[in-house]
Amino acid sequence: MQEVRRQGIEVIGVFLASGEVHETQRNTLTNIYGRQSVVVPHVEQLADYLTPLIRRLLLKAIH
């Protein structure tokens, strides 16, 4: 992941769950993707969870 990011490519990880998310699942995703990861407990909440992440990445890209 770090090599790709050094090349200027942003990588995000999205975990779509179908209910309760275990802390081990959350930790695994964070270990792989860092701050560019999001855990969505229910698919209908996808926009609520992705919007802040995408906004942050877009702001980073224009600055």
PDB file of N, CA and C in Angstrom:
ATOM      1  N   MET A   1       0.824  -1.190   0.000  1.00  0.00           N
ATOM      2  CA  MET A   1       0.000   0.000   0.000  1.00  0.00           C
ATOM      3  C   MET A   1       0.867   1.252   0.000  1.00  0.00           C
ATOM      4  N   GLN A   2       1.928   1.242   0.774  1.00  0.00           N
ATOM      5  CA  GLN A   2       2.761   2.437   0.889  1.00  0.00           C
ATOM      6  C   GLN A   2       3.411   2.798  -0.440  1.00  0.00           C
ATOM      7  N   GLU A   3       3.858   1.801  -1.190  1.00  0.00           N
ATOM      8  CA  GLU A   3       4.494   2.074  -2.482  1.00  0.00           C
ATOM      9  C   GLU A   3       3.508   2.726  -3.448  1.00  0.00           C
ATOM     10  N   VAL A   4       2.308   2.237  -3.482  1.00  0.00           N
ATOM     11  CA  VAL A   4       1.277   2.808  -4.356  1.00  0.00           C
ATOM     12  C   VAL A   4       0.981   4.243  -3.943  1.00  0.00           C
ATOM     13  N   ARG A   5       0.871   4.486  -2.661  1.00  0.00           N
ATOM     14  CA  ARG A   5       0.598   5.845  -2.175  1.00  0.00           C
ATOM     15  C   ARG A   5       1.753   6.785  -2.476  1.00  0.00           C
ATOM     16  N   ARG A   6       2.985   6.289  -2.438  1.00  0.00           N
ATOM     17  CA  ARG A   6       4.139   7.122  -2.803  1.00  0.00           C
ATOM     18  C   ARG A   6       4.049   7.574  -4.253  1.00  0.00           C
ATOM     19  N   GLN A   7       3.382   6.791  -5.065  1.00  0.00           N
ATOM     20  CA  GLN A   7       3.203   7.134  -6.476  1.00  0.00           C
ATOM     21  C   GLN A   7       2.050   8.110  -6.681  1.00  0.00           C
ATOM     22  N   GLY A   8       1.415   8.527  -5.597  1.00  0.00           N
ATOM     23  CA  GLY A   8       0.330   9.496  -5.674  1.00  0.00           C
ATOM     24  C   GLY A   8      -1.046   8.891  -5.880  1.00  0.00           C
ATOM     25  N   ILE A   9      -1.147   7.594  -5.744  1.00  0.00           N
ATOM     26  CA  ILE A   9      -2.428   6.911  -5.912  1.00  0.00           C
ATOM     27  C   ILE A   9      -3.053   6.711  -4.537  1.00  0.00           C
ATOM     28  N   GLU A  10      -4.266   7.188  -4.377  1.00  0.00           N
ATOM     29  CA  GLU A  10      -4.979   7.004  -3.109  1.00  0.00           C
ATOM     30  C   GLU A  10      -5.742   5.682  -3.152  1.00  0.00           C
ATOM     31  N   VAL A  11      -5.577   4.903  -2.123  1.00  0.00           N
ATOM     32  CA  VAL A  11      -6.248   3.610  -2.012  1.00  0.00           C
ATOM     33  C   VAL A  11      -7.126   3.659  -0.774  1.00  0.00           C
ATOM     34  N   ILE A  12      -8.375   3.238  -0.929  1.00  0.00           N
ATOM     35  CA  ILE A  12      -9.268   3.195   0.221  1.00  0.00           C
ATOM     36  C   ILE A  12      -9.777   1.765   0.400  1.00  0.00           C
ATOM     37  N   GLY A  13     -10.070   1.429   1.628  1.00  0.00           N
ATOM     38  CA  GLY A  13     -10.633   0.127   1.942  1.00  0.00           C
ATOM     39  C   GLY A  13     -12.030   0.309   2.502  1.00  0.00           C
ATOM     40  N   VAL A  14     -12.969  -0.428   1.956  1.00  0.00           N
ATOM     41  CA  VAL A  14     -14.355  -0.349   2.426  1.00  0.00           C
ATOM     42  C   VAL A  14     -14.798  -1.757   2.818  1.00  0.00           C
ATOM     43  N   PHE A  15     -15.213  -1.906   4.057  1.00  0.00           N
ATOM     44  CA  PHE A  15     -15.715  -3.179   4.560  1.00  0.00           C
ATOM     45  C   PHE A  15     -17.212  -3.037   4.744  1.00  0.00           C
ATOM     46  N   LEU A  16     -17.975  -3.782   3.957  1.00  0.00           N
ATOM     47  CA  LEU A  16     -19.433  -3.762   4.063  1.00  0.00           C
ATOM     48  C   LEU A  16     -19.874  -4.954   4.908  1.00  0.00           C
ATOM     49  N   ALA A  17     -20.437  -4.668   6.037  1.00  0.00           N
ATOM     50  CA  ALA A  17     -20.888  -5.725   6.938  1.00  0.00           C
ATOM     51  C   ALA A  17     -22.401  -5.900   6.809  1.00  0.00           C
ATOM     52  N   SER A  18     -22.882  -6.926   7.436  1.00  0.00           N
ATOM     53  CA  SER A  18     -24.328  -7.145   7.460  1.00  0.00           C
ATOM     54  C   SER A  18     -24.786  -7.203   8.908  1.00  0.00           C
ATOM     55  N   GLY A  19     -24.358  -6.220   9.663  1.00  0.00           N
ATOM     56  CA  GLY A  19     -24.712  -6.175  11.079  1.00  0.00           C
ATOM     57  C   GLY A  19     -23.507  -5.795  11.912  1.00  0.00           C
ATOM     58  N   GLU A  20     -23.363  -6.482  13.005  1.00  0.00           N
ATOM     59  CA  GLU A  20     -22.291  -6.164  13.951  1.00  0.00           C
ATOM     60  C   GLU A  20     -20.912  -6.348  13.316  1.00  0.00           C
ATOM     61  N   VAL A  21     -20.038  -5.385  13.572  1.00  0.00           N
ATOM     62  CA  VAL A  21     -18.665  -5.452  13.084  1.00  0.00           C
ATOM     63  C   VAL A  21     -17.765  -5.751  14.278  1.00  0.00           C
ATOM     64  N   HIS A  22     -16.999  -6.810  14.165  1.00  0.00           N
ATOM     65  CA  HIS A  22     -16.098  -7.187  15.251  1.00  0.00           C
ATOM     66  C   HIS A  22     -14.860  -6.301  15.236  1.00  0.00           C
ATOM     67  N   GLU A  23     -14.340  -6.034  16.405  1.00  0.00           N
ATOM     68  CA  GLU A  23     -13.160  -5.167  16.535  1.00  0.00           C
ATOM     69  C   GLU A  23     -11.970  -5.717  15.748  1.00  0.00           C
ATOM     70  N   THR A  24     -11.844  -7.030  15.671  1.00  0.00           N
ATOM     71  CA  THR A  24     -10.737  -7.618  14.910  1.00  0.00           C
ATOM     72  C   THR A  24     -10.859  -7.294  13.429  1.00  0.00           C
ATOM     73  N   GLN A  25     -12.086  -7.279  12.909  1.00  0.00           N
ATOM     74  CA  GLN A  25     -12.296  -6.916  11.506  1.00  0.00           C
ATOM     75  C   GLN A  25     -11.923  -5.458  11.273  1.00  0.00           C
ATOM     76  N   ARG A  26     -12.346  -4.607  12.167  1.00  0.00           N
ATOM     77  CA  ARG A  26     -12.036  -3.176  12.072  1.00  0.00           C
ATOM     78  C   ARG A  26     -10.520  -2.946  12.137  1.00  0.00           C
ATOM     79  N   ASN A  27      -9.862  -3.617  13.068  1.00  0.00           N
ATOM     80  CA  ASN A  27      -8.413  -3.471  13.222  1.00  0.00           C
ATOM     81  C   ASN A  27      -7.656  -3.960  11.996  1.00  0.00           C
ATOM     82  N   THR A  28      -8.102  -5.063  11.421  1.00  0.00           N
ATOM     83  CA  THR A  28      -7.454  -5.590  10.222  1.00  0.00           C
ATOM     84  C   THR A  28      -7.529  -4.591   9.086  1.00  0.00           C
ATOM     85  N   LEU A  29      -8.689  -4.027   8.862  1.00  0.00           N
ATOM     86  CA  LEU A  29      -8.855  -3.047   7.788  1.00  0.00           C
ATOM     87  C   LEU A  29      -7.996  -1.815   8.037  1.00  0.00           C
ATOM     88  N   THR A  30      -7.954  -1.349   9.265  1.00  0.00           N
ATOM     89  CA  THR A  30      -7.138  -0.182   9.604  1.00  0.00           C
ATOM     90  C   THR A  30      -5.655  -0.483   9.424  1.00  0.00           C
ATOM     91  N   ASN A  31      -5.225  -1.681   9.781  1.00  0.00           N
ATOM     92  CA  ASN A  31      -3.818  -2.051   9.599  1.00  0.00           C
ATOM     93  C   ASN A  31      -3.420  -2.054   8.130  1.00  0.00           C
ATOM     94  N   ILE A  32      -4.318  -2.434   7.256  1.00  0.00           N
ATOM     95  CA  ILE A  32      -4.019  -2.488   5.827  1.00  0.00           C
ATOM     96  C   ILE A  32      -4.122  -1.111   5.186  1.00  0.00           C
ATOM     97  N   TYR A  33      -5.210  -0.393   5.431  1.00  0.00           N
ATOM     98  CA  TYR A  33      -5.498   0.849   4.717  1.00  0.00           C
ATOM     99  C   TYR A  33      -5.264   2.118   5.525  1.00  0.00           C
ATOM    100  N   GLY A  34      -5.046   2.001   6.813  1.00  0.00           N
ATOM    101  CA  GLY A  34      -4.820   3.185   7.639  1.00  0.00           C
ATOM    102  C   GLY A  34      -6.060   4.061   7.719  1.00  0.00           C
ATOM    103  N   ARG A  35      -5.824   5.369   7.670  1.00  0.00           N
ATOM    104  CA  ARG A  35      -6.938   6.319   7.795  1.00  0.00           C
ATOM    105  C   ARG A  35      -7.881   6.272   6.590  1.00  0.00           C
ATOM    106  N   GLN A  36      -7.430   5.700   5.491  1.00  0.00           N
ATOM    107  CA  GLN A  36      -8.269   5.631   4.291  1.00  0.00           C
ATOM    108  C   GLN A  36      -9.107   4.359   4.309  1.00  0.00           C
ATOM    109  N   SER A  37      -9.645   4.022   5.431  1.00  0.00           N
ATOM    110  CA  SER A  37     -10.506   2.847   5.518  1.00  0.00           C
ATOM    111  C   SER A  37     -11.805   3.215   6.213  1.00  0.00           C
ATOM    112  N   VAL A  38     -12.825   2.466   5.864  1.00  0.00           N
ATOM    113  CA  VAL A  38     -14.132   2.720   6.453  1.00  0.00           C
ATOM    114  C   VAL A  38     -14.852   1.383   6.628  1.00  0.00           C
ATOM    115  N   VAL A  39     -15.497   1.238   7.762  1.00  0.00           N
ATOM    116  CA  VAL A  39     -16.270   0.033   8.061  1.00  0.00           C
ATOM    117  C   VAL A  39     -17.732   0.436   8.112  1.00  0.00           C
ATOM    118  N   VAL A  40     -18.526  -0.159   7.241  1.00  0.00           N
ATOM    119  CA  VAL A  40     -19.946   0.177   7.129  1.00  0.00           C
ATOM    120  C   VAL A  40     -20.761  -0.989   7.698  1.00  0.00           C
ATOM    121  N   PRO A  41     -21.438  -0.767   8.826  1.00  0.00           N
ATOM    122  CA  PRO A  41     -22.191  -1.857   9.455  1.00  0.00           C
ATOM    123  C   PRO A  41     -23.345  -2.384   8.595  1.00  0.00           C
ATOM    124  N   HIS A  42     -24.000  -1.502   7.857  1.00  0.00           N
ATOM    125  CA  HIS A  42     -25.128  -1.889   7.002  1.00  0.00           C
ATOM    126  C   HIS A  42     -25.005  -1.151   5.671  1.00  0.00           C
ATOM    127  N   VAL A  43     -25.239  -1.843   4.587  1.00  0.00           N
ATOM    128  CA  VAL A  43     -25.031  -1.266   3.259  1.00  0.00           C
ATOM    129  C   VAL A  43     -25.848   0.011   3.037  1.00  0.00           C
ATOM    130  N   GLU A  44     -27.005   0.114   3.665  1.00  0.00           N
ATOM    131  CA  GLU A  44     -27.816   1.324   3.486  1.00  0.00           C
ATOM    132  C   GLU A  44     -27.165   2.556   4.120  1.00  0.00           C
ATOM    133  N   GLN A  45     -26.127   2.353   4.907  1.00  0.00           N
ATOM    134  CA  GLN A  45     -25.389   3.458   5.521  1.00  0.00           C
ATOM    135  C   GLN A  45     -24.131   3.826   4.729  1.00  0.00           C
ATOM    136  N   LEU A  46     -23.952   3.244   3.575  1.00  0.00           N
ATOM    137  CA  LEU A  46     -22.730   3.431   2.793  1.00  0.00           C
ATOM    138  C   LEU A  46     -22.412   4.903   2.538  1.00  0.00           C
ATOM    139  N   ALA A  47     -23.372   5.661   2.069  1.00  0.00           N
ATOM    140  CA  ALA A  47     -23.134   7.081   1.775  1.00  0.00           C
ATOM    141  C   ALA A  47     -22.744   7.857   3.026  1.00  0.00           C
ATOM    142  N   ASP A  48     -23.369   7.550   4.146  1.00  0.00           N
ATOM    143  CA  ASP A  48     -23.052   8.245   5.401  1.00  0.00           C
ATOM    144  C   ASP A  48     -21.596   8.040   5.813  1.00  0.00           C
ATOM    145  N   TYR A  49     -21.066   6.865   5.550  1.00  0.00           N
ATOM    146  CA  TYR A  49     -19.700   6.546   5.954  1.00  0.00           C
ATOM    147  C   TYR A  49     -18.670   6.967   4.906  1.00  0.00           C
ATOM    148  N   LEU A  50     -19.027   6.859   3.621  1.00  0.00           N
ATOM    149  CA  LEU A  50     -18.060   7.182   2.567  1.00  0.00           C
ATOM    150  C   LEU A  50     -17.917   8.676   2.304  1.00  0.00           C
ATOM    151  N   THR A  51     -18.974   9.435   2.489  1.00  0.00           N
ATOM    152  CA  THR A  51     -18.936  10.869   2.177  1.00  0.00           C
ATOM    153  C   THR A  51     -17.801  11.600   2.883  1.00  0.00           C
ATOM    154  N   PRO A  52     -17.609  11.448   4.193  1.00  0.00           N
ATOM    155  CA  PRO A  52     -16.495  12.162   4.837  1.00  0.00           C
ATOM    156  C   PRO A  52     -15.121  11.745   4.297  1.00  0.00           C
ATOM    157  N   LEU A  53     -14.956  10.462   4.007  1.00  0.00           N
ATOM    158  CA  LEU A  53     -13.680   9.979   3.486  1.00  0.00           C
ATOM    159  C   LEU A  53     -13.409  10.547   2.102  1.00  0.00           C
ATOM    160  N   ILE A  54     -14.392  10.503   1.233  1.00  0.00           N
ATOM    161  CA  ILE A  54     -14.223  11.036  -0.120  1.00  0.00           C
ATOM    162  C   ILE A  54     -14.002  12.542  -0.071  1.00  0.00           C
ATOM    163  N   ARG A  55     -14.717  13.235   0.780  1.00  0.00           N
ATOM    164  CA  ARG A  55     -14.529  14.682   0.927  1.00  0.00           C
ATOM    165  C   ARG A  55     -13.091  14.992   1.341  1.00  0.00           C
ATOM    166  N   ARG A  56     -12.582  14.247   2.314  1.00  0.00           N
ATOM    167  CA  ARG A  56     -11.211  14.463   2.787  1.00  0.00           C
ATOM    168  C   ARG A  56     -10.198  14.217   1.664  1.00  0.00           C
ATOM    169  N   LEU A  57     -10.406  13.167   0.871  1.00  0.00           N
ATOM    170  CA  LEU A  57      -9.494  12.870  -0.230  1.00  0.00           C
ATOM    171  C   LEU A  57      -9.562  13.934  -1.324  1.00  0.00           C
ATOM    172  N   LEU A  58     -10.762  14.419  -1.619  1.00  0.00           N
ATOM    173  CA  LEU A  58     -10.899  15.472  -2.632  1.00  0.00           C
ATOM    174  C   LEU A  58     -10.235  16.763  -2.173  1.00  0.00           C
ATOM    175  N   LEU A  59     -10.417  17.128  -0.926  1.00  0.00           N
ATOM    176  CA  LEU A  59      -9.771  18.338  -0.403  1.00  0.00           C
ATOM    177  C   LEU A  59      -8.253  18.207  -0.435  1.00  0.00           C
ATOM    178  N   LYS A  60      -7.759  17.035  -0.139  1.00  0.00           N
ATOM    179  CA  LYS A  60      -6.319  16.790  -0.188  1.00  0.00           C
ATOM    180  C   LYS A  60      -5.802  16.928  -1.622  1.00  0.00           C
ATOM    181  N   ALA A  61      -6.584  16.457  -2.580  1.00  0.00           N
ATOM    182  CA  ALA A  61      -6.167  16.496  -3.986  1.00  0.00           C
ATOM    183  C   ALA A  61      -6.119  17.911  -4.548  1.00  0.00           C
ATOM    184  N   ILE A  62      -6.988  18.795  -4.087  1.00  0.00           N
ATOM    185  CA  ILE A  62      -7.009  20.145  -4.651  1.00  0.00           C
ATOM    186  C   ILE A  62      -6.067  21.097  -3.932  1.00  0.00           C
ATOM    187  N   HIS A  63      -5.500  20.689  -2.812  1.00  0.00           N
ATOM    188  CA  HIS A  63      -4.556  21.559  -2.087  1.00  0.00           C
ATOM    189  C   HIS A  63      -3.147  21.214  -2.384  1.00  0.00           C
TER     190      HIS A  63
END
